[in-house]
Amino acid sequence: MTILPGQECTTMAEVRAGVDQLDRELVALLRRRFDYMDAAARIKPERGHVRDEGRKAQVIANASAYAAELGLPEQAIAQLWDALVEASIAYELDAYDRRVTKS
């Protein structure tokens, strides 16, 4: 099935196919993001440096501002990014622990 832009969809099957394709692309982007979490876990000298509330706030603010530029609901994007950053922190902590355990 050809994936159509959202504004060209006329059936729910077309909408669902587009959403499914975007979900695959988003997961691939998240893989790339988590690669950076692996790098951060390797670079940071101490486990306590993994959580940085100032950086978390900055990342969420950046995403919210970009959402506003695109006409997206800022609060919804802020909530998604809060969950994303928390999941990233948990992943990075695990990666840090795996690295330290190997040493």
PDB file of N, CA and C in Angstrom:
ATOM      1  N   MET A   1       0.848  -1.182   0.000  1.00  0.00           N
ATOM      2  CA  MET A   1       0.000   0.000   0.000  1.00  0.00           C
ATOM      3  C   MET A   1       0.891   1.243   0.000  1.00  0.00           C
ATOM      4  N   THR A   2       0.544   2.191  -0.812  1.00  0.00           N
ATOM      5  CA  THR A   2       1.262   3.461  -0.859  1.00  0.00           C
ATOM      6  C   THR A   2       0.875   4.289   0.359  1.00  0.00           C
ATOM      7  N   ILE A   3       1.876   4.858   1.007  1.00  0.00           N
ATOM      8  CA  ILE A   3       1.620   5.700   2.175  1.00  0.00           C
ATOM      9  C   ILE A   3       1.339   7.115   1.684  1.00  0.00           C
ATOM     10  N   LEU A   4       0.170   7.608   2.031  1.00  0.00           N
ATOM     11  CA  LEU A   4      -0.243   8.945   1.619  1.00  0.00           C
ATOM     12  C   LEU A   4       0.011   9.950   2.731  1.00  0.00           C
ATOM     13  N   PRO A   5       0.243  11.218   2.381  1.00  0.00           N
ATOM     14  CA  PRO A   5       0.267  12.263   3.407  1.00  0.00           C
ATOM     15  C   PRO A   5      -1.101  12.307   4.095  1.00  0.00           C
ATOM     16  N   GLY A   6      -1.111  12.655   5.363  1.00  0.00           N
ATOM     17  CA  GLY A   6      -2.349  12.666   6.133  1.00  0.00           C
ATOM     18  C   GLY A   6      -3.482  13.431   5.477  1.00  0.00           C
ATOM     19  N   GLN A   7      -3.170  14.576   4.898  1.00  0.00           N
ATOM     20  CA  GLN A   7      -4.215  15.404   4.296  1.00  0.00           C
ATOM     21  C   GLN A   7      -4.817  14.775   3.039  1.00  0.00           C
ATOM     22  N   GLU A   8      -4.173  13.737   2.486  1.00  0.00           N
ATOM     23  CA  GLU A   8      -4.694  13.064   1.289  1.00  0.00           C
ATOM     24  C   GLU A   8      -5.436  11.772   1.614  1.00  0.00           C
ATOM     25  N   CYS A   9      -5.425  11.343   2.857  1.00  0.00           N
ATOM     26  CA  CYS A   9      -6.097  10.096   3.234  1.00  0.00           C
ATOM     27  C   CYS A   9      -7.609  10.260   3.158  1.00  0.00           C
ATOM     28  N   THR A  10      -8.261   9.234   2.611  1.00  0.00           N
ATOM     29  CA  THR A  10      -9.723   9.252   2.532  1.00  0.00           C
ATOM     30  C   THR A  10     -10.350   8.048   3.231  1.00  0.00           C
ATOM     31  N   THR A  11      -9.513   7.108   3.692  1.00  0.00           N
ATOM     32  CA  THR A  11     -10.030   5.934   4.402  1.00  0.00           C
ATOM     33  C   THR A  11      -9.219   5.723   5.678  1.00  0.00           C
ATOM     34  N   MET A  12      -9.819   5.022   6.618  1.00  0.00           N
ATOM     35  CA  MET A  12      -9.101   4.709   7.851  1.00  0.00           C
ATOM     36  C   MET A  12      -7.939   3.762   7.579  1.00  0.00           C
ATOM     37  N   ALA A  13      -8.056   2.904   6.571  1.00  0.00           N
ATOM     38  CA  ALA A  13      -6.937   2.015   6.231  1.00  0.00           C
ATOM     39  C   ALA A  13      -5.723   2.840   5.817  1.00  0.00           C
ATOM     40  N   GLU A  14      -5.939   3.903   5.056  1.00  0.00           N
ATOM     41  CA  GLU A  14      -4.835   4.777   4.648  1.00  0.00           C
ATOM     42  C   GLU A  14      -4.239   5.500   5.850  1.00  0.00           C
ATOM     43  N   VAL A  15      -5.102   5.979   6.730  1.00  0.00           N
ATOM     44  CA  VAL A  15      -4.635   6.655   7.948  1.00  0.00           C
ATOM     45  C   VAL A  15      -3.799   5.691   8.786  1.00  0.00           C
ATOM     46  N   ARG A  16      -4.309   4.502   9.005  1.00  0.00           N
ATOM     47  CA  ARG A  16      -3.600   3.520   9.842  1.00  0.00           C
ATOM     48  C   ARG A  16      -2.274   3.103   9.221  1.00  0.00           C
ATOM     49  N   ALA A  17      -2.246   2.956   7.910  1.00  0.00           N
ATOM     50  CA  ALA A  17      -0.989   2.603   7.238  1.00  0.00           C
ATOM     51  C   ALA A  17       0.038   3.712   7.431  1.00  0.00           C
ATOM     52  N   GLY A  18      -0.409   4.959   7.322  1.00  0.00           N
ATOM     53  CA  GLY A  18       0.501   6.083   7.536  1.00  0.00           C
ATOM     54  C   GLY A  18       1.004   6.145   8.962  1.00  0.00           C
ATOM     55  N   VAL A  19       0.110   5.955   9.920  1.00  0.00           N
ATOM     56  CA  VAL A  19       0.503   5.970  11.332  1.00  0.00           C
ATOM     57  C   VAL A  19       1.474   4.827  11.627  1.00  0.00           C
ATOM     58  N   ASP A  20       1.180   3.641  11.102  1.00  0.00           N
ATOM     59  CA  ASP A  20       2.076   2.497  11.332  1.00  0.00           C
ATOM     60  C   ASP A  20       3.468   2.767  10.768  1.00  0.00           C
ATOM     61  N   GLN A  21       3.533   3.360   9.580  1.00  0.00           N
ATOM     62  CA  GLN A  21       4.828   3.683   8.982  1.00  0.00           C
ATOM     63  C   GLN A  21       5.566   4.722   9.822  1.00  0.00           C
ATOM     64  N   LEU A  22       4.861   5.755  10.251  1.00  0.00           N
ATOM     65  CA  LEU A  22       5.490   6.774  11.101  1.00  0.00           C
ATOM     66  C   LEU A  22       5.973   6.179  12.414  1.00  0.00           C
ATOM     67  N   ASP A  23       5.214   5.265  12.988  1.00  0.00           N
ATOM     68  CA  ASP A  23       5.644   4.619  14.231  1.00  0.00           C
ATOM     69  C   ASP A  23       6.960   3.876  14.031  1.00  0.00           C
ATOM     70  N   ARG A  24       7.103   3.193  12.903  1.00  0.00           N
ATOM     71  CA  ARG A  24       8.365   2.497  12.607  1.00  0.00           C
ATOM     72  C   ARG A  24       9.515   3.498  12.498  1.00  0.00           C
ATOM     73  N   GLU A  25       9.257   4.619  11.830  1.00  0.00           N
ATOM     74  CA  GLU A  25      10.287   5.644  11.679  1.00  0.00           C
ATOM     75  C   GLU A  25      10.648   6.258  13.031  1.00  0.00           C
ATOM     76  N   LEU A  26       9.639   6.485  13.873  1.00  0.00           N
ATOM     77  CA  LEU A  26       9.896   7.038  15.202  1.00  0.00           C
ATOM     78  C   LEU A  26      10.734   6.083  16.045  1.00  0.00           C
ATOM     79  N   VAL A  27      10.427   4.800  15.981  1.00  0.00           N
ATOM     80  CA  VAL A  27      11.208   3.822  16.749  1.00  0.00           C
ATOM     81  C   VAL A  27      12.651   3.801  16.257  1.00  0.00           C
ATOM     82  N   ALA A  28      12.848   3.909  14.953  1.00  0.00           N
ATOM     83  CA  ALA A  28      14.218   3.960  14.417  1.00  0.00           C
ATOM     84  C   ALA A  28      14.944   5.209  14.913  1.00  0.00           C
ATOM     85  N   LEU A  29      14.249   6.329  14.986  1.00  0.00           N
ATOM     86  CA  LEU A  29      14.858   7.546  15.530  1.00  0.00           C
ATOM     87  C   LEU A  29      15.169   7.383  17.015  1.00  0.00           C
ATOM     88  N   LEU A  30      14.290   6.712  17.738  1.00  0.00           N
ATOM     89  CA  LEU A  30      14.554   6.466  19.156  1.00  0.00           C
ATOM     90  C   LEU A  30      15.775   5.576  19.333  1.00  0.00           C
ATOM     91  N   ARG A  31      15.978   4.620  18.436  1.00  0.00           N
ATOM     92  CA  ARG A  31      17.197   3.795  18.495  1.00  0.00           C
ATOM     93  C   ARG A  31      18.426   4.694  18.411  1.00  0.00           C
ATOM     94  N   ARG A  32      18.383   5.662  17.508  1.00  0.00           N
ATOM     95  CA  ARG A  32      19.501   6.597  17.368  1.00  0.00           C
ATOM     96  C   ARG A  32      19.661   7.434  18.632  1.00  0.00           C
ATOM     97  N   ARG A  33      18.538   7.874  19.219  1.00  0.00           N
ATOM     98  CA  ARG A  33      18.608   8.670  20.447  1.00  0.00           C
ATOM     99  C   ARG A  33      19.234   7.845  21.570  1.00  0.00           C
ATOM    100  N   PHE A  34      18.826   6.590  21.676  1.00  0.00           N
ATOM    101  CA  PHE A  34      19.361   5.740  22.735  1.00  0.00           C
ATOM    102  C   PHE A  34      20.832   5.413  22.505  1.00  0.00           C
ATOM    103  N   ASP A  35      21.287   5.438  21.253  1.00  0.00           N
ATOM    104  CA  ASP A  35      22.723   5.307  20.994  1.00  0.00           C
ATOM    105  C   ASP A  35      23.489   6.437  21.683  1.00  0.00           C
ATOM    106  N   TYR A  36      22.904   7.629  21.692  1.00  0.00           N
ATOM    107  CA  TYR A  36      23.534   8.750  22.400  1.00  0.00           C
ATOM    108  C   TYR A  36      23.508   8.536  23.909  1.00  0.00           C
ATOM    109  N   MET A  37      22.479   7.875  24.411  1.00  0.00           N
ATOM    110  CA  MET A  37      22.440   7.560  25.838  1.00  0.00           C
ATOM    111  C   MET A  37      23.545   6.564  26.181  1.00  0.00           C
ATOM    112  N   ASP A  38      23.799   5.612  25.276  1.00  0.00           N
ATOM    113  CA  ASP A  38      24.925   4.692  25.474  1.00  0.00           C
ATOM    114  C   ASP A  38      26.238   5.466  25.528  1.00  0.00           C
ATOM    115  N   ALA A  39      26.386   6.435  24.625  1.00  0.00           N
ATOM    116  CA  ALA A  39      27.611   7.247  24.608  1.00  0.00           C
ATOM    117  C   ALA A  39      27.737   8.053  25.892  1.00  0.00           C
ATOM    118  N   ALA A  40      26.637   8.639  26.347  1.00  0.00           N
ATOM    119  CA  ALA A  40      26.675   9.425  27.582  1.00  0.00           C
ATOM    120  C   ALA A  40      27.068   8.546  28.766  1.00  0.00           C
ATOM    121  N   ALA A  41      26.520   7.334  28.822  1.00  0.00           N
ATOM    122  CA  ALA A  41      26.854   6.412  29.918  1.00  0.00           C
ATOM    123  C   ALA A  41      28.330   6.043  29.884  1.00  0.00           C
ATOM    124  N   ARG A  42      28.898   5.983  28.703  1.00  0.00           N
ATOM    125  CA  ARG A  42      30.321   5.660  28.557  1.00  0.00           C
ATOM    126  C   ARG A  42      31.195   6.847  28.946  1.00  0.00           C
ATOM    127  N   ILE A  43      30.736   8.057  28.671  1.00  0.00           N
ATOM    128  CA  ILE A  43      31.539   9.261  28.867  1.00  0.00           C
ATOM    129  C   ILE A  43      31.457   9.798  30.295  1.00  0.00           C
ATOM    130  N   LYS A  44      30.281   9.746  30.909  1.00  0.00           N
ATOM    131  CA  LYS A  44      30.102  10.335  32.240  1.00  0.00           C
ATOM    132  C   LYS A  44      30.936   9.576  33.269  1.00  0.00           C
ATOM    133  N   PRO A  45      31.666  10.328  34.104  1.00  0.00           N
ATOM    134  CA  PRO A  45      32.572   9.670  35.046  1.00  0.00           C
ATOM    135  C   PRO A  45      31.872   9.046  36.260  1.00  0.00           C
ATOM    136  N   GLU A  46      30.674   9.550  36.592  1.00  0.00           N
ATOM    137  CA  GLU A  46      29.977   9.054  37.778  1.00  0.00           C
ATOM    138  C   GLU A  46      28.504   8.827  37.474  1.00  0.00           C
ATOM    139  N   ARG A  47      27.933   7.817  38.105  1.00  0.00           N
ATOM    140  CA  ARG A  47      26.518   7.487  37.912  1.00  0.00           C
ATOM    141  C   ARG A  47      25.613   8.664  38.271  1.00  0.00           C
ATOM    142  N   GLY A  48      26.001   9.407  39.289  1.00  0.00           N
ATOM    143  CA  GLY A  48      25.208  10.554  39.724  1.00  0.00           C
ATOM    144  C   GLY A  48      25.094  11.655  38.685  1.00  0.00           C
ATOM    145  N   HIS A  49      25.937  11.619  37.683  1.00  0.00           N
ATOM    146  CA  HIS A  49      25.891  12.627  36.625  1.00  0.00           C
ATOM    147  C   HIS A  49      24.854  12.301  35.554  1.00  0.00           C
ATOM    148  N   VAL A  50      24.269  11.112  35.628  1.00  0.00           N
ATOM    149  CA  VAL A  50      23.299  10.714  34.606  1.00  0.00           C
ATOM    150  C   VAL A  50      22.072  11.619  34.653  1.00  0.00           C
ATOM    151  N   ARG A  51      21.517  11.832  35.832  1.00  0.00           N
ATOM    152  CA  ARG A  51      20.321  12.685  35.949  1.00  0.00           C
ATOM    153  C   ARG A  51      20.765  14.135  36.084  1.00  0.00           C
ATOM    154  N   ASP A  52      20.312  14.955  35.145  1.00  0.00           N
ATOM    155  CA  ASP A  52      20.626  16.387  35.140  1.00  0.00           C
ATOM    156  C   ASP A  52      19.311  17.129  34.908  1.00  0.00           C
ATOM    157  N   GLU A  53      18.690  17.578  35.991  1.00  0.00           N
ATOM    158  CA  GLU A  53      17.369  18.202  35.904  1.00  0.00           C
ATOM    159  C   GLU A  53      17.384  19.470  35.050  1.00  0.00           C
ATOM    160  N   GLY A  54      18.487  20.216  35.097  1.00  0.00           N
ATOM    161  CA  GLY A  54      18.590  21.410  34.258  1.00  0.00           C
ATOM    162  C   GLY A  54      18.554  21.064  32.783  1.00  0.00           C
ATOM    163  N   ARG A  55      19.303  20.039  32.412  1.00  0.00           N
ATOM    164  CA  ARG A  55      19.319  19.593  31.014  1.00  0.00           C
ATOM    165  C   ARG A  55      17.959  19.033  30.618  1.00  0.00           C
ATOM    166  N   LYS A  56      17.320  18.288  31.529  1.00  0.00           N
ATOM    167  CA  LYS A  56      15.987  17.749  31.246  1.00  0.00           C
ATOM    168  C   LYS A  56      15.018  18.883  30.933  1.00  0.00           C
ATOM    169  N   ALA A  57      15.023  19.917  31.756  1.00  0.00           N
ATOM    170  CA  ALA A  57      14.133  21.057  31.537  1.00  0.00           C
ATOM    171  C   ALA A  57      14.428  21.732  30.198  1.00  0.00           C
ATOM    172  N   GLN A  58      15.704  21.850  29.857  1.00  0.00           N
ATOM    173  CA  GLN A  58      16.095  22.473  28.592  1.00  0.00           C
ATOM    174  C   GLN A  58      15.598  21.654  27.394  1.00  0.00           C
ATOM    175  N   VAL A  59      15.757  20.345  27.457  1.00  0.00           N
ATOM    176  CA  VAL A  59      15.323  19.469  26.363  1.00  0.00           C
ATOM    177  C   VAL A  59      13.811  19.578  26.168  1.00  0.00           C
ATOM    178  N   ILE A  60      13.064  19.569  27.266  1.00  0.00           N
ATOM    179  CA  ILE A  60      11.601  19.670  27.183  1.00  0.00           C
ATOM    180  C   ILE A  60      11.193  21.039  26.651  1.00  0.00           C
ATOM    181  N   ALA A  61      11.850  22.093  27.110  1.00  0.00           N
ATOM    182  CA  ALA A  61      11.545  23.442  26.619  1.00  0.00           C
ATOM    183  C   ALA A  61      11.848  23.559  25.128  1.00  0.00           C
ATOM    184  N   ASN A  62      12.960  22.982  24.686  1.00  0.00           N
ATOM    185  CA  ASN A  62      13.308  23.014  23.257  1.00  0.00           C
ATOM    186  C   ASN A  62      12.239  22.314  22.421  1.00  0.00           C
ATOM    187  N   ALA A  63      11.807  21.148  22.872  1.00  0.00           N
ATOM    188  CA  ALA A  63      10.785  20.398  22.135  1.00  0.00           C
ATOM    189  C   ALA A  63       9.463  21.160  22.115  1.00  0.00           C
ATOM    190  N   SER A  64       9.100  21.763  23.237  1.00  0.00           N
ATOM    191  CA  SER A  64       7.854  22.528  23.311  1.00  0.00           C
ATOM    192  C   SER A  64       7.891  23.737  22.389  1.00  0.00           C
ATOM    193  N   ALA A  65       9.032  24.412  22.355  1.00  0.00           N
ATOM    194  CA  ALA A  65       9.172  25.585  21.482  1.00  0.00           C
ATOM    195  C   ALA A  65       9.070  25.174  20.016  1.00  0.00           C
ATOM    196  N   TYR A  66       9.704  24.073  19.652  1.00  0.00           N
ATOM    197  CA  TYR A  66       9.634  23.604  18.271  1.00  0.00           C
ATOM    198  C   TYR A  66       8.211  23.174  17.934  1.00  0.00           C
ATOM    199  N   ALA A  67       7.528  22.555  18.886  1.00  0.00           N
ATOM    200  CA  ALA A  67       6.130  22.174  18.686  1.00  0.00           C
ATOM    201  C   ALA A  67       5.289  23.408  18.378  1.00  0.00           C
ATOM    202  N   ALA A  68       5.524  24.488  19.120  1.00  0.00           N
ATOM    203  CA  ALA A  68       4.776  25.725  18.890  1.00  0.00           C
ATOM    204  C   ALA A  68       5.023  26.252  17.479  1.00  0.00           C
ATOM    205  N   GLU A  69       6.281  26.187  17.027  1.00  0.00           N
ATOM    206  CA  GLU A  69       6.608  26.631  15.666  1.00  0.00           C
ATOM    207  C   GLU A  69       5.838  25.831  14.622  1.00  0.00           C
ATOM    208  N   LEU A  70       5.613  24.555  14.900  1.00  0.00           N
ATOM    209  CA  LEU A  70       4.923  23.675  13.956  1.00  0.00           C
ATOM    210  C   LEU A  70       3.407  23.670  14.142  1.00  0.00           C
ATOM    211  N   GLY A  71       2.921  24.440  15.116  1.00  0.00           N
ATOM    212  CA  GLY A  71       1.491  24.495  15.369  1.00  0.00           C
ATOM    213  C   GLY A  71       0.956  23.291  16.122  1.00  0.00           C
ATOM    214  N   LEU A  72       1.829  22.621  16.857  1.00  0.00           N
ATOM    215  CA  LEU A  72       1.425  21.464  17.658  1.00  0.00           C
ATOM    216  C   LEU A  72       1.122  21.892  19.090  1.00  0.00           C
ATOM    217  N   PRO A  73       0.330  21.115  19.821  1.00  0.00           N
ATOM    218  CA  PRO A  73       0.016  21.461  21.213  1.00  0.00           C
ATOM    219  C   PRO A  73       1.256  21.315  22.105  1.00  0.00           C
ATOM    220  N   GLU A  74       1.725  22.439  22.612  1.00  0.00           N
ATOM    221  CA  GLU A  74       2.963  22.447  23.408  1.00  0.00           C
ATOM    222  C   GLU A  74       2.875  21.549  24.635  1.00  0.00           C
ATOM    223  N   GLN A  75       1.738  21.567  25.321  1.00  0.00           N
ATOM    224  CA  GLN A  75       1.600  20.772  26.545  1.00  0.00           C
ATOM    225  C   GLN A  75       1.691  19.281  26.241  1.00  0.00           C
ATOM    226  N   ALA A  76       1.068  18.855  25.161  1.00  0.00           N
ATOM    227  CA  ALA A  76       1.130  17.437  24.788  1.00  0.00           C
ATOM    228  C   ALA A  76       2.565  17.031  24.471  1.00  0.00           C
ATOM    229  N   ILE A  77       3.280  17.882  23.748  1.00  0.00           N
ATOM    230  CA  ILE A  77       4.672  17.579  23.406  1.00  0.00           C
ATOM    231  C   ILE A  77       5.527  17.580  24.673  1.00  0.00           C
ATOM    232  N   ALA A  78       5.281  18.521  25.580  1.00  0.00           N
ATOM    233  CA  ALA A  78       6.038  18.560  26.838  1.00  0.00           C
ATOM    234  C   ALA A  78       5.825  17.269  27.629  1.00  0.00           C
ATOM    235  N   GLN A  79       4.594  16.776  27.674  1.00  0.00           N
ATOM    236  CA  GLN A  79       4.314  15.526  28.389  1.00  0.00           C
ATOM    237  C   GLN A  79       5.014  14.340  27.725  1.00  0.00           C
ATOM    238  N   LEU A  80       4.961  14.279  26.401  1.00  0.00           N
ATOM    239  CA  LEU A  80       5.656  13.204  25.685  1.00  0.00           C
ATOM    240  C   LEU A  80       7.155  13.262  25.942  1.00  0.00           C
ATOM    241  N   TRP A  81       7.718  14.466  25.885  1.00  0.00           N
ATOM    242  CA  TRP A  81       9.166  14.595  26.072  1.00  0.00           C
ATOM    243  C   TRP A  81       9.579  14.313  27.506  1.00  0.00           C
ATOM    244  N   ASP A  82       8.730  14.644  28.462  1.00  0.00           N
ATOM    245  CA  ASP A  82       9.041  14.300  29.844  1.00  0.00           C
ATOM    246  C   ASP A  82       9.163  12.777  29.970  1.00  0.00           C
ATOM    247  N   ALA A  83       8.211  12.054  29.390  1.00  0.00           N
ATOM    248  CA  ALA A  83       8.268  10.587  29.433  1.00  0.00           C
ATOM    249  C   ALA A  83       9.484  10.069  28.671  1.00  0.00           C
ATOM    250  N   LEU A  84       9.787  10.677  27.523  1.00  0.00           N
ATOM    251  CA  LEU A  84      10.944  10.258  26.732  1.00  0.00           C
ATOM    252  C   LEU A  84      12.238  10.471  27.500  1.00  0.00           C
ATOM    253  N   VAL A  85      12.382  11.626  28.121  1.00  0.00           N
ATOM    254  CA  VAL A  85      13.611  11.916  28.865  1.00  0.00           C
ATOM    255  C   VAL A  85      13.738  10.981  30.064  1.00  0.00           C
ATOM    256  N   GLU A  86      12.651  10.730  30.766  1.00  0.00           N
ATOM    257  CA  GLU A  86      12.710   9.805  31.903  1.00  0.00           C
ATOM    258  C   GLU A  86      13.091   8.392  31.448  1.00  0.00           C
ATOM    259  N   ALA A  87      12.528   7.944  30.331  1.00  0.00           N
ATOM    260  CA  ALA A  87      12.902   6.630  29.800  1.00  0.00           C
ATOM    261  C   ALA A  87      14.366   6.621  29.376  1.00  0.00           C
ATOM    262  N   SER A  88      14.826   7.725  28.817  1.00  0.00           N
ATOM    263  CA  SER A  88      16.227   7.832  28.400  1.00  0.00           C
ATOM    264  C   SER A  88      17.160   7.789  29.602  1.00  0.00           C
ATOM    265  N   ILE A  89      16.770   8.452  30.676  1.00  0.00           N
ATOM    266  CA  ILE A  89      17.578   8.439  31.899  1.00  0.00           C
ATOM    267  C   ILE A  89      17.654   7.019  32.455  1.00  0.00           C
ATOM    268  N   ALA A  90      16.510   6.340  32.508  1.00  0.00           N
ATOM    269  CA  ALA A  90      16.500   4.957  33.009  1.00  0.00           C
ATOM    270  C   ALA A  90      17.390   4.069  32.143  1.00  0.00           C
ATOM    271  N   TYR A  91      17.319   4.246  30.838  1.00  0.00           N
ATOM    272  CA  TYR A  91      18.153   3.465  29.922  1.00  0.00           C
ATOM    273  C   TYR A  91      19.629   3.776  30.155  1.00  0.00           C
ATOM    274  N   GLU A  92      19.936   5.057  30.297  1.00  0.00           N
ATOM    275  CA  GLU A  92      21.333   5.460  30.512  1.00  0.00           C
ATOM    276  C   GLU A  92      21.871   4.918  31.833  1.00  0.00           C
ATOM    277  N   LEU A  93      21.053   4.926  32.876  1.00  0.00           N
ATOM    278  CA  LEU A  93      21.482   4.354  34.153  1.00  0.00           C
ATOM    279  C   LEU A  93      21.804   2.870  33.995  1.00  0.00           C
ATOM    280  N   ASP A  94      20.945   2.153  33.280  1.00  0.00           N
ATOM    281  CA  ASP A  94      21.216   0.731  33.026  1.00  0.00           C
ATOM    282  C   ASP A  94      22.503   0.558  32.227  1.00  0.00           C
ATOM    283  N   ALA A  95      22.690   1.391  31.215  1.00  0.00           N
ATOM    284  CA  ALA A  95      23.903   1.310  30.393  1.00  0.00           C
ATOM    285  C   ALA A  95      25.140   1.617  31.234  1.00  0.00           C
ATOM    286  N   TYR A  96      25.025   2.605  32.115  1.00  0.00           N
ATOM    287  CA  TYR A  96      26.142   2.947  32.999  1.00  0.00           C
ATOM    288  C   TYR A  96      26.475   1.752  33.897  1.00  0.00           C
ATOM    289  N   ASP A  97      25.440   1.174  34.489  1.00  0.00           N
ATOM    290  CA  ASP A  97      25.653   0.028  35.382  1.00  0.00           C
ATOM    291  C   ASP A  97      26.276  -1.155  34.639  1.00  0.00           C
ATOM    292  N   ARG A  98      25.834  -1.405  33.421  1.00  0.00           N
ATOM    293  CA  ARG A  98      26.425  -2.494  32.627  1.00  0.00           C
ATOM    294  C   ARG A  98      27.904  -2.224  32.361  1.00  0.00           C
ATOM    295  N   ARG A  99      28.232  -0.980  32.065  1.00  0.00           N
ATOM    296  CA  ARG A  99      29.622  -0.617  31.792  1.00  0.00           C
ATOM    297  C   ARG A  99      30.479  -0.817  33.029  1.00  0.00           C
ATOM    298  N   VAL A 100      29.994  -0.367  34.167  1.00  0.00           N
ATOM    299  CA  VAL A 100      30.754  -0.473  35.416  1.00  0.00           C
ATOM    300  C   VAL A 100      30.909  -1.939  35.815  1.00  0.00           C
ATOM    301  N   THR A 101      29.861  -2.731  35.623  1.00  0.00           N
ATOM    302  CA  THR A 101      29.904  -4.151  35.965  1.00  0.00           C
ATOM    303  C   THR A 101      30.935  -4.889  35.115  1.00  0.00           C
ATOM    304  N   LYS A 102      31.078  -4.490  33.845  1.00  0.00           N
ATOM    305  CA  LYS A 102      32.059  -5.116  32.951  1.00  0.00           C
ATOM    306  C   LYS A 102      33.489  -4.812  33.374  1.00  0.00           C
ATOM    307  N   SER A 103      33.690  -3.641  33.984  1.00  0.00           N
ATOM    308  CA  SER A 103      35.057  -3.210  34.344  1.00  0.00           C
ATOM    309  C   SER A 103      35.664  -4.036  35.442  1.00  0.00           C
TER     310      SER A 103
END
